[in-house]
Amino acid sequence: MELTCLFCFRMNENRRKYVKRNIFFLQEWRYDIIFVLNVGVNSMSGKKIICMNKKASHSYFIEEKYEAGLVLHGTEVKSLREGRANLKESYAKIKDGEVFLYNCHISPYSHGNRQNHDPTRPRKLLLHKREIKKLFGKVSERGYTLVPVVLYFSQGKAKLEIGLGKGKKLYDKRHSMKERDAKREIERAFKRSELT
């Protein structure tokens, strides 16, 4: 999702929402800022996000993203609906022409019986054959890996967005942290100038 700030003249005292084509406008009361949220093909509009892997963008350059289905047990789906999942230490691997997700922790269902699932079992990911072949070719190159990015529900089905990532060096991580700090400082300066 992309969030962009536009500065314009002061609007009336009501809070309004406008939807035009693929752009969502939100106008706040007494502020000169309009937040523009691009709702395109790659955004998470109409999707319920369960959990995100925040370390993925910190530790890897994500070059390509793929949407994959998951093969799950019933108690796993119910636990995901409660939002009890963690992608922090998880990774994906290609094994015998199939893609599997490892170390993804889905907590046992609270109302499950003795047939509850194992929290960290390997789970099969559903991708097209041509996507798996393309990923296998990329992963066999040095430095590339499959990183789970977002776990979400789309039209009632659990989906996982996996990214083809290349590991960042320490100086790359420092550079991205400096950029993030600079953006925060700019936003603070704009807020201070708006309040005065």
C-alpha atoms as a PDB file:
ATOM      1  CA  MET A   1       0.000   0.000   0.000  1.00  0.00           C
ATOM      2  CA  GLU A   2       1.231   3.471  -0.786  1.00  0.00           C
ATOM      3  CA  LEU A   3       0.332   6.443   1.388  1.00  0.00           C
ATOM      4  CA  THR A   4       0.966   9.866  -0.097  1.00  0.00           C
ATOM      5  CA  CYS A   5       0.400  13.273   1.529  1.00  0.00           C
ATOM      6  CA  LEU A   6      -0.906  16.178  -0.535  1.00  0.00           C
ATOM      7  CA  PHE A   7      -1.099  19.716   0.818  1.00  0.00           C
ATOM      8  CA  CYS A   8      -4.043  21.840  -0.296  1.00  0.00           C
ATOM      9  CA  PHE A   9      -6.477  24.512   0.912  1.00  0.00           C
ATOM     10  CA  ARG A  10      -8.439  24.066   4.132  1.00  0.00           C
ATOM     11  CA  MET A  11     -11.709  22.125   3.710  1.00  0.00           C
ATOM     12  CA  ASN A  12     -14.986  22.609   5.597  1.00  0.00           C
ATOM     13  CA  GLU A  13     -15.480  21.215   9.115  1.00  0.00           C
ATOM     14  CA  ASN A  14     -16.939  17.855   8.087  1.00  0.00           C
ATOM     15  CA  ARG A  15     -14.867  14.731   7.646  1.00  0.00           C
ATOM     16  CA  ARG A  16     -15.424  13.404   4.121  1.00  0.00           C
ATOM     17  CA  LYS A  17     -14.431  10.397   2.083  1.00  0.00           C
ATOM     18  CA  TYR A  18     -14.271  10.402  -1.692  1.00  0.00           C
ATOM     19  CA  VAL A  19     -13.701   7.386  -3.895  1.00  0.00           C
ATOM     20  CA  LYS A  20     -12.648   8.019  -7.503  1.00  0.00           C
ATOM     21  CA  ARG A  21     -11.385   5.304  -9.826  1.00  0.00           C
ATOM     22  CA  ASN A  22      -8.518   3.576  -7.985  1.00  0.00           C
ATOM     23  CA  ILE A  23      -7.713   6.333  -5.478  1.00  0.00           C
ATOM     24  CA  PHE A  24      -9.149   6.711  -1.966  1.00  0.00           C
ATOM     25  CA  PHE A  25      -9.242  10.277  -0.569  1.00  0.00           C
ATOM     26  CA  LEU A  26      -9.614  11.010   3.142  1.00  0.00           C
ATOM     27  CA  GLN A  27      -9.990  14.623   4.211  1.00  0.00           C
ATOM     28  CA  GLU A  28      -9.487  15.462   7.889  1.00  0.00           C
ATOM     29  CA  TRP A  29     -11.167  18.344   9.707  1.00  0.00           C
ATOM     30  CA  ARG A  30      -9.158  21.611   9.948  1.00  0.00           C
ATOM     31  CA  TYR A  31      -6.016  20.195   8.379  1.00  0.00           C
ATOM     32  CA  ASP A  32      -4.476  21.162   5.088  1.00  0.00           C
ATOM     33  CA  ILE A  33      -3.374  17.589   4.398  1.00  0.00           C
ATOM     34  CA  ILE A  34      -5.180  15.072   2.192  1.00  0.00           C
ATOM     35  CA  PHE A  35      -3.983  11.503   2.517  1.00  0.00           C
ATOM     36  CA  VAL A  36      -4.089   9.606  -0.762  1.00  0.00           C
ATOM     37  CA  LEU A  37      -4.083   5.837  -0.534  1.00  0.00           C
ATOM     38  CA  ASN A  38      -3.502   4.065  -3.845  1.00  0.00           C
ATOM     39  CA  VAL A  39      -5.832   1.088  -4.089  1.00  0.00           C
ATOM     40  CA  GLY A  40      -4.395  -0.723  -7.074  1.00  0.00           C
ATOM     41  CA  VAL A  41      -3.932  -4.345  -8.037  1.00  0.00           C
ATOM     42  CA  ASN A  42      -1.077  -4.956  -5.586  1.00  0.00           C
ATOM     43  CA  SER A  43      -2.756  -3.450  -2.516  1.00  0.00           C
ATOM     44  CA  MET A  44      -4.476  -5.348   0.286  1.00  0.00           C
ATOM     45  CA  SER A  45      -7.939  -3.881  -0.401  1.00  0.00           C
ATOM     46  CA  GLY A  46     -10.738  -6.302   0.463  1.00  0.00           C
ATOM     47  CA  LYS A  47      -8.322  -8.610   2.232  1.00  0.00           C
ATOM     48  CA  LYS A  48      -8.135  -9.316   5.954  1.00  0.00           C
ATOM     49  CA  ILE A  49      -4.500  -9.310   7.036  1.00  0.00           C
ATOM     50  CA  ILE A  50      -3.693 -11.927   9.686  1.00  0.00           C
ATOM     51  CA  CYS A  51      -0.005 -11.200  10.242  1.00  0.00           C
ATOM     52  CA  MET A  52       2.969  -9.577   8.536  1.00  0.00           C
ATOM     53  CA  ASN A  53       6.657 -10.416   8.544  1.00  0.00           C
ATOM     54  CA  LYS A  54       8.205  -7.050   9.412  1.00  0.00           C
ATOM     55  CA  LYS A  55      11.715  -8.506   9.424  1.00  0.00           C
ATOM     56  CA  ALA A  56      11.400  -9.448   5.746  1.00  0.00           C
ATOM     57  CA  SER A  57      11.759  -5.901   4.421  1.00  0.00           C
ATOM     58  CA  HIS A  58      14.469  -5.162   7.003  1.00  0.00           C
ATOM     59  CA  SER A  59      16.638  -8.179   6.176  1.00  0.00           C
ATOM     60  CA  TYR A  60      15.934  -8.690   2.445  1.00  0.00           C
ATOM     61  CA  PHE A  61      15.498  -6.800  -0.806  1.00  0.00           C
ATOM     62  CA  ILE A  62      12.141  -8.202  -1.999  1.00  0.00           C
ATOM     63  CA  GLU A  63      12.359  -8.300  -5.800  1.00  0.00           C
ATOM     64  CA  GLU A  64       9.204 -10.228  -6.771  1.00  0.00           C
ATOM     65  CA  LYS A  65       6.076 -11.214  -4.862  1.00  0.00           C
ATOM     66  CA  TYR A  66       3.783 -14.198  -5.432  1.00  0.00           C
ATOM     67  CA  GLU A  67       0.404 -15.106  -3.936  1.00  0.00           C
ATOM     68  CA  ALA A  68       0.208 -18.718  -2.787  1.00  0.00           C
ATOM     69  CA  GLY A  69      -2.594 -20.760  -1.283  1.00  0.00           C
ATOM     70  CA  LEU A  70      -2.046 -22.885   1.822  1.00  0.00           C
ATOM     71  CA  VAL A  71      -2.984 -26.498   2.584  1.00  0.00           C
ATOM     72  CA  LEU A  72      -4.385 -26.288   6.128  1.00  0.00           C
ATOM     73  CA  HIS A  73      -6.343 -28.349   8.658  1.00  0.00           C
ATOM     74  CA  GLY A  74      -9.701 -27.104   9.941  1.00  0.00           C
ATOM     75  CA  THR A  75      -8.368 -26.100  13.362  1.00  0.00           C
ATOM     76  CA  GLU A  76      -5.574 -24.114  11.672  1.00  0.00           C
ATOM     77  CA  VAL A  77      -8.099 -22.078   9.691  1.00  0.00           C
ATOM     78  CA  LYS A  78     -10.133 -21.367  12.828  1.00  0.00           C
ATOM     79  CA  SER A  79      -6.995 -20.301  14.663  1.00  0.00           C
ATOM     80  CA  LEU A  80      -6.054 -18.004  11.757  1.00  0.00           C
ATOM     81  CA  ARG A  81      -9.504 -16.412  11.920  1.00  0.00           C
ATOM     82  CA  GLU A  82      -8.692 -15.536  15.542  1.00  0.00           C
ATOM     83  CA  GLY A  83      -5.469 -13.932  14.269  1.00  0.00           C
ATOM     84  CA  ARG A  84      -3.128 -16.301  16.083  1.00  0.00           C
ATOM     85  CA  ALA A  85      -0.207 -16.753  13.699  1.00  0.00           C
ATOM     86  CA  ASN A  86       3.419 -15.662  13.509  1.00  0.00           C
ATOM     87  CA  LEU A  87       5.713 -15.442  10.461  1.00  0.00           C
ATOM     88  CA  LYS A  88       8.774 -14.132  12.294  1.00  0.00           C
ATOM     89  CA  GLU A  89      11.176 -17.074  11.854  1.00  0.00           C
ATOM     90  CA  SER A  90       9.469 -18.739   8.892  1.00  0.00           C
ATOM     91  CA  TYR A  91      10.877 -19.492   5.449  1.00  0.00           C
ATOM     92  CA  ALA A  92       9.835 -21.326   2.298  1.00  0.00           C
ATOM     93  CA  LYS A  93      11.714 -24.076   0.435  1.00  0.00           C
ATOM     94  CA  ILE A  94      11.240 -25.940  -2.819  1.00  0.00           C
ATOM     95  CA  LYS A  95      11.318 -29.710  -2.312  1.00  0.00           C
ATOM     96  CA  ASP A  96      10.526 -32.300  -5.008  1.00  0.00           C
ATOM     97  CA  GLY A  97       8.842 -29.750  -7.263  1.00  0.00           C
ATOM     98  CA  GLU A  98       6.596 -28.432  -4.467  1.00  0.00           C
ATOM     99  CA  VAL A  99       6.929 -25.405  -2.207  1.00  0.00           C
ATOM    100  CA  PHE A 100       6.687 -25.826   1.577  1.00  0.00           C
ATOM    101  CA  LEU A 101       6.464 -23.290   4.392  1.00  0.00           C
ATOM    102  CA  TYR A 102       8.573 -24.058   7.460  1.00  0.00           C
ATOM    103  CA  ASN A 103       8.544 -22.627  11.023  1.00  0.00           C
ATOM    104  CA  CYS A 104       5.294 -20.700  10.563  1.00  0.00           C
ATOM    105  CA  HIS A 105       3.710 -20.786  14.014  1.00  0.00           C
ATOM    106  CA  ILE A 106      -0.086 -21.122  13.994  1.00  0.00           C
ATOM    107  CA  SER A 107      -1.245 -21.487  17.587  1.00  0.00           C
ATOM    108  CA  PRO A 108      -3.493 -24.437  18.474  1.00  0.00           C
ATOM    109  CA  TYR A 109      -7.196 -23.626  18.288  1.00  0.00           C
ATOM    110  CA  SER A 110      -8.524 -22.646  21.711  1.00  0.00           C
ATOM    111  CA  HIS A 111     -11.670 -24.818  21.418  1.00  0.00           C
ATOM    112  CA  GLY A 112      -9.917 -27.699  19.636  1.00  0.00           C
ATOM    113  CA  ASN A 113      -9.949 -31.239  20.956  1.00  0.00           C
ATOM    114  CA  ARG A 114      -7.227 -33.897  20.973  1.00  0.00           C
ATOM    115  CA  GLN A 115      -7.032 -33.746  17.158  1.00  0.00           C
ATOM    116  CA  ASN A 116      -5.636 -30.214  17.262  1.00  0.00           C
ATOM    117  CA  HIS A 117      -2.778 -29.443  14.852  1.00  0.00           C
ATOM    118  CA  ASP A 118       0.981 -29.200  15.444  1.00  0.00           C
ATOM    119  CA  PRO A 119       1.819 -25.448  15.612  1.00  0.00           C
ATOM    120  CA  THR A 120       5.012 -25.489  13.510  1.00  0.00           C
ATOM    121  CA  ARG A 121       4.404 -28.310  11.054  1.00  0.00           C
ATOM    122  CA  PRO A 122       5.542 -27.845   7.409  1.00  0.00           C
ATOM    123  CA  ARG A 123       2.689 -26.569   5.243  1.00  0.00           C
ATOM    124  CA  LYS A 124       2.383 -27.015   1.498  1.00  0.00           C
ATOM    125  CA  LEU A 125       2.011 -23.875  -0.610  1.00  0.00           C
ATOM    126  CA  LEU A 126      -0.134 -23.923  -3.745  1.00  0.00           C
ATOM    127  CA  LEU A 127       1.490 -22.282  -6.767  1.00  0.00           C
ATOM    128  CA  HIS A 128       1.302 -22.830 -10.515  1.00  0.00           C
ATOM    129  CA  LYS A 129       3.921 -25.145 -12.023  1.00  0.00           C
ATOM    130  CA  ARG A 130       5.474 -22.357 -14.114  1.00  0.00           C
ATOM    131  CA  GLU A 131       5.802 -20.166 -11.003  1.00  0.00           C
ATOM    132  CA  ILE A 132       7.522 -22.983  -9.110  1.00  0.00           C
ATOM    133  CA  LYS A 133       9.953 -23.534 -12.008  1.00  0.00           C
ATOM    134  CA  LYS A 134      10.716 -19.818 -12.184  1.00  0.00           C
ATOM    135  CA  LEU A 135      11.271 -19.664  -8.416  1.00  0.00           C
ATOM    136  CA  PHE A 136      13.460 -22.774  -8.496  1.00  0.00           C
ATOM    137  CA  GLY A 137      15.670 -21.163 -11.142  1.00  0.00           C
ATOM    138  CA  LYS A 138      16.008 -17.975  -9.099  1.00  0.00           C
ATOM    139  CA  VAL A 139      16.553 -19.695  -5.735  1.00  0.00           C
ATOM    140  CA  SER A 140      19.305 -21.873  -7.211  1.00  0.00           C
ATOM    141  CA  GLU A 141      21.230 -18.640  -7.881  1.00  0.00           C
ATOM    142  CA  ARG A 142      23.471 -17.488  -5.071  1.00  0.00           C
ATOM    143  CA  GLY A 143      21.919 -15.177  -2.481  1.00  0.00           C
ATOM    144  CA  TYR A 144      18.208 -15.606  -3.289  1.00  0.00           C
ATOM    145  CA  THR A 145      15.661 -17.085  -0.908  1.00  0.00           C
ATOM    146  CA  LEU A 146      11.881 -17.367  -0.501  1.00  0.00           C
ATOM    147  CA  VAL A 147      10.591 -15.141   2.281  1.00  0.00           C
ATOM    148  CA  PRO A 148       6.991 -15.131   3.595  1.00  0.00           C
ATOM    149  CA  VAL A 149       5.783 -11.517   3.696  1.00  0.00           C
ATOM    150  CA  VAL A 150       2.053 -11.389   4.539  1.00  0.00           C
ATOM    151  CA  LEU A 151      -0.534 -13.970   5.641  1.00  0.00           C
ATOM    152  CA  TYR A 152      -4.127 -12.918   4.894  1.00  0.00           C
ATOM    153  CA  PHE A 153      -7.646 -14.024   3.968  1.00  0.00           C
ATOM    154  CA  SER A 154      -8.855 -13.287   0.448  1.00  0.00           C
ATOM    155  CA  GLN A 155     -12.480 -14.167  -0.331  1.00  0.00           C
ATOM    156  CA  GLY A 156     -12.568 -16.520   2.663  1.00  0.00           C
ATOM    157  CA  LYS A 157      -9.415 -18.433   1.693  1.00  0.00           C
ATOM    158  CA  ALA A 158      -6.074 -18.213   3.503  1.00  0.00           C
ATOM    159  CA  LYS A 159      -3.321 -16.862   1.255  1.00  0.00           C
ATOM    160  CA  LEU A 160       0.378 -16.227   1.770  1.00  0.00           C
ATOM    161  CA  GLU A 161       2.372 -13.622  -0.089  1.00  0.00           C
ATOM    162  CA  ILE A 162       5.910 -14.892  -0.565  1.00  0.00           C
ATOM    163  CA  GLY A 163       8.708 -12.743  -1.847  1.00  0.00           C
ATOM    164  CA  LEU A 164      11.835 -13.596  -3.751  1.00  0.00           C
ATOM    165  CA  GLY A 165      14.423 -11.892  -1.591  1.00  0.00           C
ATOM    166  CA  LYS A 166      18.117 -11.194  -1.686  1.00  0.00           C
ATOM    167  CA  GLY A 167      19.810 -10.725   1.671  1.00  0.00           C
ATOM    168  CA  LYS A 168      20.860  -7.243   2.733  1.00  0.00           C
ATOM    169  CA  LYS A 169      24.344  -6.505   3.946  1.00  0.00           C
ATOM    170  CA  LEU A 170      24.861  -4.623   7.205  1.00  0.00           C
ATOM    171  CA  TYR A 171      25.564  -1.329   5.413  1.00  0.00           C
ATOM    172  CA  ASP A 172      22.319  -1.727   3.406  1.00  0.00           C
ATOM    173  CA  LYS A 173      20.361  -2.112   6.655  1.00  0.00           C
ATOM    174  CA  ARG A 174      22.013   0.994   8.080  1.00  0.00           C
ATOM    175  CA  HIS A 175      21.224   2.959   4.917  1.00  0.00           C
ATOM    176  CA  SER A 176      17.534   1.972   5.020  1.00  0.00           C
ATOM    177  CA  MET A 177      17.365   2.911   8.729  1.00  0.00           C
ATOM    178  CA  LYS A 178      18.827   6.358   7.935  1.00  0.00           C
ATOM    179  CA  GLU A 179      16.240   6.878   5.184  1.00  0.00           C
ATOM    180  CA  ARG A 180      13.415   5.885   7.530  1.00  0.00           C
ATOM    181  CA  ASP A 181      14.686   8.287  10.237  1.00  0.00           C
ATOM    182  CA  ALA A 182      14.960  11.102   7.690  1.00  0.00           C
ATOM    183  CA  LYS A 183      11.347  10.525   6.582  1.00  0.00           C
ATOM    184  CA  ARG A 184      10.183  10.676  10.204  1.00  0.00           C
ATOM    185  CA  GLU A 185      12.030  13.952  10.758  1.00  0.00           C
ATOM    186  CA  ILE A 186      10.437  15.456   7.628  1.00  0.00           C
ATOM    187  CA  GLU A 187       6.969  14.362   8.787  1.00  0.00           C
ATOM    188  CA  ARG A 188       7.572  15.870  12.245  1.00  0.00           C
ATOM    189  CA  ALA A 189       8.700  19.139  10.670  1.00  0.00           C
ATOM    190  CA  PHE A 190       5.538  19.268   8.515  1.00  0.00           C
ATOM    191  CA  LYS A 191       3.353  18.590  11.555  1.00  0.00           C
ATOM    192  CA  ARG A 192       5.064  21.354  13.536  1.00  0.00           C
ATOM    193  CA  SER A 193       4.656  23.820  10.663  1.00  0.00           C
ATOM    194  CA  GLU A 194       0.964  22.855  10.300  1.00  0.00           C
ATOM    195  CA  LEU A 195       0.188  23.391  13.981  1.00  0.00           C
ATOM    196  CA  THR A 196       1.664  26.902  14.042  1.00  0.00           C
END
